[in-house]
Amino acid sequence: MMNKKTVYCGETIQNKCGKQRHPVKDVEFANKFVNSERDCEVYSNSPDFVSAVKYITKKQNVEVEFFLNGESHGDDIEIIFEDFNRALDMIDKLGVTK
């Protein structure tokens, strides 16, 4: 059995994230992350990475724990995506809708 994987998300980790990757690279990295044979932690605000980790760990029966702004949400990513979607809400408010 593989070891536990931990993903930290949210505004509190903004300065810890590296450069932005192409979404395909996020999925490739998520696969490597999940298949690592040791306990791993990653800081990411990438929706593609978070989704990929969620579904790859589920398929491979690997334990994962997601954190949003320091608070654990187990393997549930719904609240993380609610947080990510705040940016879309801001765009809607600031932009012009036809």
PDB file of N, CA and C in Angstrom:
ATOM      1  N   MET A   1       0.838  -1.183   0.000  1.00  0.00           N
ATOM      2  CA  MET A   1       0.000   0.000   0.000  1.00  0.00           C
ATOM      3  C   MET A   1       0.883   1.246   0.000  1.00  0.00           C
ATOM      4  N   MET A   2       0.448   2.246  -0.750  1.00  0.00           N
ATOM      5  CA  MET A   2       1.212   3.485  -0.846  1.00  0.00           C
ATOM      6  C   MET A   2       0.987   4.342   0.391  1.00  0.00           C
ATOM      7  N   ASN A   3       1.864   5.284   0.562  1.00  0.00           N
ATOM      8  CA  ASN A   3       1.804   6.163   1.710  1.00  0.00           C
ATOM      9  C   ASN A   3       0.818   7.312   1.509  1.00  0.00           C
ATOM     10  N   LYS A   4       0.603   8.069   2.556  1.00  0.00           N
ATOM     11  CA  LYS A   4      -0.352   9.171   2.560  1.00  0.00           C
ATOM     12  C   LYS A   4       0.158  10.352   1.742  1.00  0.00           C
ATOM     13  N   LYS A   5      -0.765  10.983   1.043  1.00  0.00           N
ATOM     14  CA  LYS A   5      -0.465  12.170   0.254  1.00  0.00           C
ATOM     15  C   LYS A   5      -1.237  13.348   0.852  1.00  0.00           C
ATOM     16  N   THR A   6      -0.610  14.511   0.935  1.00  0.00           N
ATOM     17  CA  THR A   6      -1.233  15.696   1.508  1.00  0.00           C
ATOM     18  C   THR A   6      -1.092  16.844   0.524  1.00  0.00           C
ATOM     19  N   VAL A   7      -2.207  17.567   0.282  1.00  0.00           N
ATOM     20  CA  VAL A   7      -2.208  18.715  -0.623  1.00  0.00           C
ATOM     21  C   VAL A   7      -2.720  19.926   0.133  1.00  0.00           C
ATOM     22  N   TYR A   8      -1.928  21.003   0.148  1.00  0.00           N
ATOM     23  CA  TYR A   8      -2.308  22.251   0.800  1.00  0.00           C
ATOM     24  C   TYR A   8      -2.718  23.254  -0.271  1.00  0.00           C
ATOM     25  N   CYS A   9      -3.890  23.880  -0.089  1.00  0.00           N
ATOM     26  CA  CYS A   9      -4.427  24.850  -1.034  1.00  0.00           C
ATOM     27  C   CYS A   9      -4.851  26.115  -0.301  1.00  0.00           C
ATOM     28  N   GLY A  10      -5.093  27.168  -1.061  1.00  0.00           N
ATOM     29  CA  GLY A  10      -5.667  28.375  -0.492  1.00  0.00           C
ATOM     30  C   GLY A  10      -4.745  29.566  -0.519  1.00  0.00           C
ATOM     31  N   GLU A  11      -5.295  30.691  -0.118  1.00  0.00           N
ATOM     32  CA  GLU A  11      -4.554  31.946  -0.148  1.00  0.00           C
ATOM     33  C   GLU A  11      -3.335  31.919   0.752  1.00  0.00           C
ATOM     34  N   THR A  12      -3.360  31.151   1.817  1.00  0.00           N
ATOM     35  CA  THR A  12      -2.248  31.144   2.776  1.00  0.00           C
ATOM     36  C   THR A  12      -0.985  30.523   2.207  1.00  0.00           C
ATOM     37  N   ILE A  13      -1.087  29.811   1.091  1.00  0.00           N
ATOM     38  CA  ILE A  13       0.102  29.165   0.528  1.00  0.00           C
ATOM     39  C   ILE A  13       0.599  29.857  -0.722  1.00  0.00           C
ATOM     40  N   GLN A  14       0.033  30.988  -1.045  1.00  0.00           N
ATOM     41  CA  GLN A  14       0.342  31.666  -2.294  1.00  0.00           C
ATOM     42  C   GLN A  14       1.842  31.842  -2.514  1.00  0.00           C
ATOM     43  N   ASN A  15       2.571  32.228  -1.501  1.00  0.00           N
ATOM     44  CA  ASN A  15       3.999  32.469  -1.664  1.00  0.00           C
ATOM     45  C   ASN A  15       4.822  31.193  -1.738  1.00  0.00           C
ATOM     46  N   LYS A  16       4.235  30.055  -1.403  1.00  0.00           N
ATOM     47  CA  LYS A  16       4.962  28.801  -1.433  1.00  0.00           C
ATOM     48  C   LYS A  16       4.846  28.090  -2.771  1.00  0.00           C
ATOM     49  N   CYS A  17       3.914  28.521  -3.613  1.00  0.00           N
ATOM     50  CA  CYS A  17       3.707  27.865  -4.904  1.00  0.00           C
ATOM     51  C   CYS A  17       4.803  28.276  -5.876  1.00  0.00           C
ATOM     52  N   GLY A  18       5.173  27.352  -6.707  1.00  0.00           N
ATOM     53  CA  GLY A  18       6.168  27.639  -7.726  1.00  0.00           C
ATOM     54  C   GLY A  18       5.531  28.291  -8.940  1.00  0.00           C
ATOM     55  N   LYS A  19       6.220  28.223 -10.050  1.00  0.00           N
ATOM     56  CA  LYS A  19       5.713  28.787 -11.294  1.00  0.00           C
ATOM     57  C   LYS A  19       4.456  28.045 -11.732  1.00  0.00           C
ATOM     58  N   GLN A  20       3.640  28.731 -12.503  1.00  0.00           N
ATOM     59  CA  GLN A  20       2.445  28.098 -13.051  1.00  0.00           C
ATOM     60  C   GLN A  20       2.859  27.111 -14.141  1.00  0.00           C
ATOM     61  N   ARG A  21       2.234  25.947 -14.124  1.00  0.00           N
ATOM     62  CA  ARG A  21       2.513  24.921 -15.119  1.00  0.00           C
ATOM     63  C   ARG A  21       1.327  24.822 -16.070  1.00  0.00           C
ATOM     64  N   HIS A  22       1.580  24.296 -17.237  1.00  0.00           N
ATOM     65  CA  HIS A  22       0.507  23.986 -18.178  1.00  0.00           C
ATOM     66  C   HIS A  22      -0.368  22.915 -17.532  1.00  0.00           C
ATOM     67  N   PRO A  23      -1.703  22.941 -17.756  1.00  0.00           N
ATOM     68  CA  PRO A  23      -2.594  21.951 -17.138  1.00  0.00           C
ATOM     69  C   PRO A  23      -2.183  20.496 -17.380  1.00  0.00           C
ATOM     70  N   VAL A  24      -1.654  20.192 -18.556  1.00  0.00           N
ATOM     71  CA  VAL A  24      -1.200  18.818 -18.834  1.00  0.00           C
ATOM     72  C   VAL A  24      -0.048  18.450 -17.904  1.00  0.00           C
ATOM     73  N   LYS A  25       0.842  19.388 -17.662  1.00  0.00           N
ATOM     74  CA  LYS A  25       1.969  19.142 -16.754  1.00  0.00           C
ATOM     75  C   LYS A  25       1.476  18.949 -15.320  1.00  0.00           C
ATOM     76  N   ASP A  26       0.405  19.676 -14.941  1.00  0.00           N
ATOM     77  CA  ASP A  26      -0.183  19.479 -13.610  1.00  0.00           C
ATOM     78  C   ASP A  26      -0.696  18.057 -13.440  1.00  0.00           C
ATOM     79  N   VAL A  27      -1.338  17.535 -14.463  1.00  0.00           N
ATOM     80  CA  VAL A  27      -1.871  16.166 -14.389  1.00  0.00           C
ATOM     81  C   VAL A  27      -0.725  15.154 -14.355  1.00  0.00           C
ATOM     82  N   GLU A  28       0.295  15.371 -15.155  1.00  0.00           N
ATOM     83  CA  GLU A  28       1.461  14.475 -15.132  1.00  0.00           C
ATOM     84  C   GLU A  28       2.134  14.502 -13.756  1.00  0.00           C
ATOM     85  N   PHE A  29       2.282  15.698 -13.192  1.00  0.00           N
ATOM     86  CA  PHE A  29       2.891  15.818 -11.869  1.00  0.00           C
ATOM     87  C   PHE A  29       2.019  15.155 -10.805  1.00  0.00           C
ATOM     88  N   ALA A  30       0.708  15.318 -10.912  1.00  0.00           N
ATOM     89  CA  ALA A  30      -0.213  14.684  -9.958  1.00  0.00           C
ATOM     90  C   ALA A  30      -0.047  13.170  -9.987  1.00  0.00           C
ATOM     91  N   ASN A  31       0.105  12.610 -11.167  1.00  0.00           N
ATOM     92  CA  ASN A  31       0.286  11.162 -11.285  1.00  0.00           C
ATOM     93  C   ASN A  31       1.587  10.721 -10.611  1.00  0.00           C
ATOM     94  N   LYS A  32       2.666  11.464 -10.816  1.00  0.00           N
ATOM     95  CA  LYS A  32       3.942  11.139 -10.160  1.00  0.00           C
ATOM     96  C   LYS A  32       3.819  11.286  -8.643  1.00  0.00           C
ATOM     97  N   PHE A  33       3.144  12.340  -8.211  1.00  0.00           N
ATOM     98  CA  PHE A  33       2.932  12.602  -6.787  1.00  0.00           C
ATOM     99  C   PHE A  33       2.192  11.439  -6.134  1.00  0.00           C
ATOM    100  N   VAL A  34       1.087  11.023  -6.737  1.00  0.00           N
ATOM    101  CA  VAL A  34       0.275   9.939  -6.175  1.00  0.00           C
ATOM    102  C   VAL A  34       1.049   8.630  -6.163  1.00  0.00           C
ATOM    103  N   ASN A  35       1.839   8.385  -7.185  1.00  0.00           N
ATOM    104  CA  ASN A  35       2.541   7.105  -7.293  1.00  0.00           C
ATOM    105  C   ASN A  35       3.885   7.075  -6.581  1.00  0.00           C
ATOM    106  N   SER A  36       4.247   8.154  -5.914  1.00  0.00           N
ATOM    107  CA  SER A  36       5.470   8.158  -5.124  1.00  0.00           C
ATOM    108  C   SER A  36       5.329   7.138  -3.992  1.00  0.00           C
ATOM    109  N   GLU A  37       6.400   6.498  -3.642  1.00  0.00           N
ATOM    110  CA  GLU A  37       6.357   5.461  -2.610  1.00  0.00           C
ATOM    111  C   GLU A  37       6.618   5.999  -1.213  1.00  0.00           C
ATOM    112  N   ARG A  38       6.550   7.286  -1.024  1.00  0.00           N
ATOM    113  CA  ARG A  38       6.753   7.862   0.299  1.00  0.00           C
ATOM    114  C   ARG A  38       5.646   8.857   0.605  1.00  0.00           C
ATOM    115  N   ASP A  39       5.549   9.226   1.884  1.00  0.00           N
ATOM    116  CA  ASP A  39       4.614  10.283   2.259  1.00  0.00           C
ATOM    117  C   ASP A  39       5.025  11.557   1.532  1.00  0.00           C
ATOM    118  N   CYS A  40       4.051  12.271   0.994  1.00  0.00           N
ATOM    119  CA  CYS A  40       4.353  13.481   0.230  1.00  0.00           C
ATOM    120  C   CYS A  40       3.415  14.607   0.613  1.00  0.00           C
ATOM    121  N   GLU A  41       3.931  15.820   0.543  1.00  0.00           N
ATOM    122  CA  GLU A  41       3.128  17.027   0.715  1.00  0.00           C
ATOM    123  C   GLU A  41       3.385  17.929  -0.477  1.00  0.00           C
ATOM    124  N   VAL A  42       2.321  18.568  -0.974  1.00  0.00           N
ATOM    125  CA  VAL A  42       2.446  19.511  -2.082  1.00  0.00           C
ATOM    126  C   VAL A  42       1.602  20.732  -1.769  1.00  0.00           C
ATOM    127  N   TYR A  43       2.110  21.891  -2.142  1.00  0.00           N
ATOM    128  CA  TYR A  43       1.361  23.140  -2.049  1.00  0.00           C
ATOM    129  C   TYR A  43       0.926  23.504  -3.461  1.00  0.00           C
ATOM    130  N   SER A  44      -0.384  23.637  -3.693  1.00  0.00           N
ATOM    131  CA  SER A  44      -0.866  23.932  -5.042  1.00  0.00           C
ATOM    132  C   SER A  44      -2.205  24.644  -5.003  1.00  0.00           C
ATOM    133  N   ASN A  45      -2.346  25.620  -5.879  1.00  0.00           N
ATOM    134  CA  ASN A  45      -3.635  26.264  -6.104  1.00  0.00           C
ATOM    135  C   ASN A  45      -4.115  25.971  -7.520  1.00  0.00           C
ATOM    136  N   SER A  46      -3.661  24.881  -8.083  1.00  0.00           N
ATOM    137  CA  SER A  46      -4.051  24.499  -9.433  1.00  0.00           C
ATOM    138  C   SER A  46      -5.274  23.587  -9.396  1.00  0.00           C
ATOM    139  N   PRO A  47      -6.395  24.036  -9.965  1.00  0.00           N
ATOM    140  CA  PRO A  47      -7.581  23.178 -10.025  1.00  0.00           C
ATOM    141  C   PRO A  47      -7.314  21.861 -10.757  1.00  0.00           C
ATOM    142  N   ASP A  48      -6.478  21.908 -11.792  1.00  0.00           N
ATOM    143  CA  ASP A  48      -6.169  20.690 -12.540  1.00  0.00           C
ATOM    144  C   ASP A  48      -5.394  19.694 -11.677  1.00  0.00           C
ATOM    145  N   PHE A  49      -4.424  20.199 -10.920  1.00  0.00           N
ATOM    146  CA  PHE A  49      -3.650  19.330 -10.043  1.00  0.00           C
ATOM    147  C   PHE A  49      -4.532  18.722  -8.964  1.00  0.00           C
ATOM    148  N   VAL A  50      -5.348  19.554  -8.311  1.00  0.00           N
ATOM    149  CA  VAL A  50      -6.211  19.078  -7.226  1.00  0.00           C
ATOM    150  C   VAL A  50      -7.180  18.012  -7.741  1.00  0.00           C
ATOM    151  N   SER A  51      -7.813  18.279  -8.884  1.00  0.00           N
ATOM    152  CA  SER A  51      -8.737  17.292  -9.463  1.00  0.00           C
ATOM    153  C   SER A  51      -8.029  15.990  -9.805  1.00  0.00           C
ATOM    154  N   ALA A  52      -6.881  16.117 -10.431  1.00  0.00           N
ATOM    155  CA  ALA A  52      -6.142  14.913 -10.819  1.00  0.00           C
ATOM    156  C   ALA A  52      -5.754  14.089  -9.599  1.00  0.00           C
ATOM    157  N   VAL A  53      -5.256  14.740  -8.552  1.00  0.00           N
ATOM    158  CA  VAL A  53      -4.895  14.004  -7.334  1.00  0.00           C
ATOM    159  C   VAL A  53      -6.120  13.308  -6.755  1.00  0.00           C
ATOM    160  N   LYS A  54      -7.223  14.020  -6.694  1.00  0.00           N
ATOM    161  CA  LYS A  54      -8.458  13.440  -6.136  1.00  0.00           C
ATOM    162  C   LYS A  54      -8.841  12.157  -6.864  1.00  0.00           C
ATOM    163  N   TYR A  55      -8.892  12.210  -8.185  1.00  0.00           N
ATOM    164  CA  TYR A  55      -9.397  11.067  -8.939  1.00  0.00           C
ATOM    165  C   TYR A  55      -8.363   9.964  -9.131  1.00  0.00           C
ATOM    166  N   ILE A  56      -7.083  10.316  -9.209  1.00  0.00           N
ATOM    167  CA  ILE A  56      -6.052   9.272  -9.294  1.00  0.00           C
ATOM    168  C   ILE A  56      -5.959   8.513  -7.973  1.00  0.00           C
ATOM    169  N   THR A  57      -6.000   9.233  -6.839  1.00  0.00           N
ATOM    170  CA  THR A  57      -5.932   8.542  -5.545  1.00  0.00           C
ATOM    171  C   THR A  57      -7.157   7.657  -5.337  1.00  0.00           C
ATOM    172  N   LYS A  58      -8.307   8.133  -5.785  1.00  0.00           N
ATOM    173  CA  LYS A  58      -9.527   7.331  -5.644  1.00  0.00           C
ATOM    174  C   LYS A  58      -9.410   6.045  -6.460  1.00  0.00           C
ATOM    175  N   LYS A  59      -8.964   6.159  -7.690  1.00  0.00           N
ATOM    176  CA  LYS A  59      -8.839   4.985  -8.562  1.00  0.00           C
ATOM    177  C   LYS A  59      -7.805   4.001  -8.013  1.00  0.00           C
ATOM    178  N   GLN A  60      -6.730   4.524  -7.437  1.00  0.00           N
ATOM    179  CA  GLN A  60      -5.641   3.662  -6.975  1.00  0.00           C
ATOM    180  C   GLN A  60      -5.732   3.342  -5.485  1.00  0.00           C
ATOM    181  N   ASN A  61      -6.800   3.785  -4.844  1.00  0.00           N
ATOM    182  CA  ASN A  61      -7.021   3.509  -3.430  1.00  0.00           C
ATOM    183  C   ASN A  61      -5.846   3.983  -2.562  1.00  0.00           C
ATOM    184  N   VAL A  62      -5.436   5.233  -2.794  1.00  0.00           N
ATOM    185  CA  VAL A  62      -4.351   5.852  -2.044  1.00  0.00           C
ATOM    186  C   VAL A  62      -4.961   6.911  -1.122  1.00  0.00           C
ATOM    187  N   GLU A  63      -4.505   6.952   0.117  1.00  0.00           N
ATOM    188  CA  GLU A  63      -5.019   7.929   1.080  1.00  0.00           C
ATOM    189  C   GLU A  63      -4.518   9.330   0.729  1.00  0.00           C
ATOM    190  N   VAL A  64      -5.449  10.288   0.743  1.00  0.00           N
ATOM    191  CA  VAL A  64      -5.092  11.680   0.468  1.00  0.00           C
ATOM    192  C   VAL A  64      -5.833  12.574   1.449  1.00  0.00           C
ATOM    193  N   GLU A  65      -5.185  13.675   1.808  1.00  0.00           N
ATOM    194  CA  GLU A  65      -5.823  14.665   2.676  1.00  0.00           C
ATOM    195  C   GLU A  65      -5.586  16.045   2.073  1.00  0.00           C
ATOM    196  N   PHE A  66      -6.674  16.782   1.864  1.00  0.00           N
ATOM    197  CA  PHE A  66      -6.601  18.130   1.313  1.00  0.00           C
ATOM    198  C   PHE A  66      -6.805  19.145   2.431  1.00  0.00           C
ATOM    199  N   PHE A  67      -6.021  20.206   2.387  1.00  0.00           N
ATOM    200  CA  PHE A  67      -6.145  21.309   3.332  1.00  0.00           C
ATOM    201  C   PHE A  67      -6.469  22.571   2.559  1.00  0.00           C
ATOM    202  N   LEU A  68      -7.341  23.398   3.131  1.00  0.00           N
ATOM    203  CA  LEU A  68      -7.624  24.716   2.576  1.00  0.00           C
ATOM    204  C   LEU A  68      -7.362  25.738   3.668  1.00  0.00           C
ATOM    205  N   ASN A  69      -6.394  26.608   3.420  1.00  0.00           N
ATOM    206  CA  ASN A  69      -6.010  27.643   4.394  1.00  0.00           C
ATOM    207  C   ASN A  69      -5.768  27.047   5.780  1.00  0.00           C
ATOM    208  N   GLY A  70      -5.074  25.912   5.808  1.00  0.00           N
ATOM    209  CA  GLY A  70      -4.679  25.291   7.064  1.00  0.00           C
ATOM    210  C   GLY A  70      -5.703  24.363   7.687  1.00  0.00           C
ATOM    211  N   GLU A  71      -6.906  24.267   7.125  1.00  0.00           N
ATOM    212  CA  GLU A  71      -7.959  23.426   7.684  1.00  0.00           C
ATOM    213  C   GLU A  71      -8.133  22.160   6.843  1.00  0.00           C
ATOM    214  N   SER A  72      -8.102  21.013   7.510  1.00  0.00           N
ATOM    215  CA  SER A  72      -8.235  19.736   6.816  1.00  0.00           C
ATOM    216  C   SER A  72      -9.663  19.516   6.326  1.00  0.00           C
ATOM    217  N   HIS A  73      -9.755  18.981   5.114  1.00  0.00           N
ATOM    218  CA  HIS A  73     -11.049  18.608   4.537  1.00  0.00           C
ATOM    219  C   HIS A  73     -11.025  17.158   4.057  1.00  0.00           C
ATOM    220  N   GLY A  74     -10.126  16.366   4.626  1.00  0.00           N
ATOM    221  CA  GLY A  74     -10.054  14.958   4.240  1.00  0.00           C
ATOM    222  C   GLY A  74      -9.816  14.830   2.746  1.00  0.00           C
ATOM    223  N   ASP A  75     -10.590  13.965   2.090  1.00  0.00           N
ATOM    224  CA  ASP A  75     -10.423  13.801   0.648  1.00  0.00           C
ATOM    225  C   ASP A  75     -11.482  14.572  -0.145  1.00  0.00           C
ATOM    226  N   ASP A  76     -12.197  15.490   0.522  1.00  0.00           N
ATOM    227  CA  ASP A  76     -13.259  16.274  -0.116  1.00  0.00           C
ATOM    228  C   ASP A  76     -12.675  17.535  -0.739  1.00  0.00           C
ATOM    229  N   ILE A  77     -12.856  17.705  -2.049  1.00  0.00           N
ATOM    230  CA  ILE A  77     -12.323  18.894  -2.720  1.00  0.00           C
ATOM    231  C   ILE A  77     -13.403  19.926  -3.042  1.00  0.00           C
ATOM    232  N   GLU A  78     -14.650  19.652  -2.674  1.00  0.00           N
ATOM    233  CA  GLU A  78     -15.731  20.578  -3.015  1.00  0.00           C
ATOM    234  C   GLU A  78     -15.486  21.975  -2.447  1.00  0.00           C
ATOM    235  N   ILE A  79     -15.125  22.058  -1.180  1.00  0.00           N
ATOM    236  CA  ILE A  79     -14.903  23.377  -0.567  1.00  0.00           C
ATOM    237  C   ILE A  79     -13.684  24.066  -1.170  1.00  0.00           C
ATOM    238  N   ILE A  80     -12.706  23.291  -1.604  1.00  0.00           N
ATOM    239  CA  ILE A  80     -11.530  23.875  -2.256  1.00  0.00           C
ATOM    240  C   ILE A  80     -11.946  24.524  -3.571  1.00  0.00           C
ATOM    241  N   PHE A  81     -12.808  23.851  -4.325  1.00  0.00           N
ATOM    242  CA  PHE A  81     -13.259  24.424  -5.588  1.00  0.00           C
ATOM    243  C   PHE A  81     -14.183  25.615  -5.371  1.00  0.00           C
ATOM    244  N   GLU A  82     -14.927  25.635  -4.284  1.00  0.00           N
ATOM    245  CA  GLU A  82     -15.714  26.823  -3.955  1.00  0.00           C
ATOM    246  C   GLU A  82     -14.771  28.014  -3.742  1.00  0.00           C
ATOM    247  N   ASP A  83     -13.646  27.754  -3.082  1.00  0.00           N
ATOM    248  CA  ASP A  83     -12.660  28.802  -2.864  1.00  0.00           C
ATOM    249  C   ASP A  83     -12.026  29.234  -4.184  1.00  0.00           C
ATOM    250  N   PHE A  84     -11.639  28.270  -5.022  1.00  0.00           N
ATOM    251  CA  PHE A  84     -11.065  28.595  -6.328  1.00  0.00           C
ATOM    252  C   PHE A  84     -12.047  29.420  -7.163  1.00  0.00           C
ATOM    253  N   ASN A  85     -13.333  29.096  -7.088  1.00  0.00           N
ATOM    254  CA  ASN A  85     -14.340  29.751  -7.923  1.00  0.00           C
ATOM    255  C   ASN A  85     -14.646  31.180  -7.501  1.00  0.00           C
ATOM    256  N   ARG A  86     -14.135  31.598  -6.361  1.00  0.00           N
ATOM    257  CA  ARG A  86     -14.302  32.995  -5.962  1.00  0.00           C
ATOM    258  C   ARG A  86     -13.715  33.928  -7.016  1.00  0.00           C
ATOM    259  N   ALA A  87     -12.653  33.491  -7.682  1.00  0.00           N
ATOM    260  CA  ALA A  87     -12.045  34.312  -8.738  1.00  0.00           C
ATOM    261  C   ALA A  87     -13.022  34.489  -9.898  1.00  0.00           C
ATOM    262  N   LEU A  88     -13.752  33.435 -10.252  1.00  0.00           N
ATOM    263  CA  LEU A  88     -14.743  33.549 -11.322  1.00  0.00           C
ATOM    264  C   LEU A  88     -15.864  34.500 -10.928  1.00  0.00           C
ATOM    265  N   ASP A  89     -16.260  34.443  -9.660  1.00  0.00           N
ATOM    266  CA  ASP A  89     -17.281  35.371  -9.171  1.00  0.00           C
ATOM    267  C   ASP A  89     -16.795  36.811  -9.281  1.00  0.00           C
ATOM    268  N   MET A  90     -15.526  37.038  -8.955  1.00  0.00           N
ATOM    269  CA  MET A  90     -14.963  38.387  -9.061  1.00  0.00           C
ATOM    270  C   MET A  90     -14.936  38.848 -10.514  1.00  0.00           C
ATOM    271  N   ILE A  91     -14.577  37.952 -11.433  1.00  0.00           N
ATOM    272  CA  ILE A  91     -14.560  38.299 -12.857  1.00  0.00           C
ATOM    273  C   ILE A  91     -15.956  38.692 -13.321  1.00  0.00           C
ATOM    274  N   ASP A  92     -16.962  37.913 -12.895  1.00  0.00           N
ATOM    275  CA  ASP A  92     -18.340  38.245 -13.253  1.00  0.00           C
ATOM    276  C   ASP A  92     -18.733  39.631 -12.757  1.00  0.00           C
ATOM    277  N   LYS A  93     -18.346  39.965 -11.548  1.00  0.00           N
ATOM    278  CA  LYS A  93     -18.701  41.264 -10.978  1.00  0.00           C
ATOM    279  C   LYS A  93     -17.950  42.417 -11.659  1.00  0.00           C
ATOM    280  N   LEU A  94     -16.713  42.163 -12.026  1.00  0.00           N
ATOM    281  CA  LEU A  94     -15.889  43.230 -12.599  1.00  0.00           C
ATOM    282  C   LEU A  94     -16.043  43.370 -14.105  1.00  0.00           C
ATOM    283  N   GLY A  95     -16.460  42.282 -14.760  1.00  0.00           N
ATOM    284  CA  GLY A  95     -16.556  42.290 -16.206  1.00  0.00           C
ATOM    285  C   GLY A  95     -17.921  42.708 -16.705  1.00  0.00           C
ATOM    286  N   VAL A  96     -18.004  42.857 -18.003  1.00  0.00           N
ATOM    287  CA  VAL A  96     -19.254  43.219 -18.655  1.00  0.00           C
ATOM    288  C   VAL A  96     -19.839  41.953 -19.266  1.00  0.00           C
ATOM    289  N   THR A  97     -21.097  41.688 -18.942  1.00  0.00           N
ATOM    290  CA  THR A  97     -21.780  40.525 -19.481  1.00  0.00           C
ATOM    291  C   THR A  97     -22.738  40.989 -20.561  1.00  0.00           C
ATOM    292  N   LYS A  98     -22.683  40.342 -21.713  1.00  0.00           N
ATOM    293  CA  LYS A  98     -23.588  40.715 -22.819  1.00  0.00           C
ATOM    294  C   LYS A  98     -24.940  40.083 -22.619  1.00  0.00           C
TER     295      LYS A  98
END
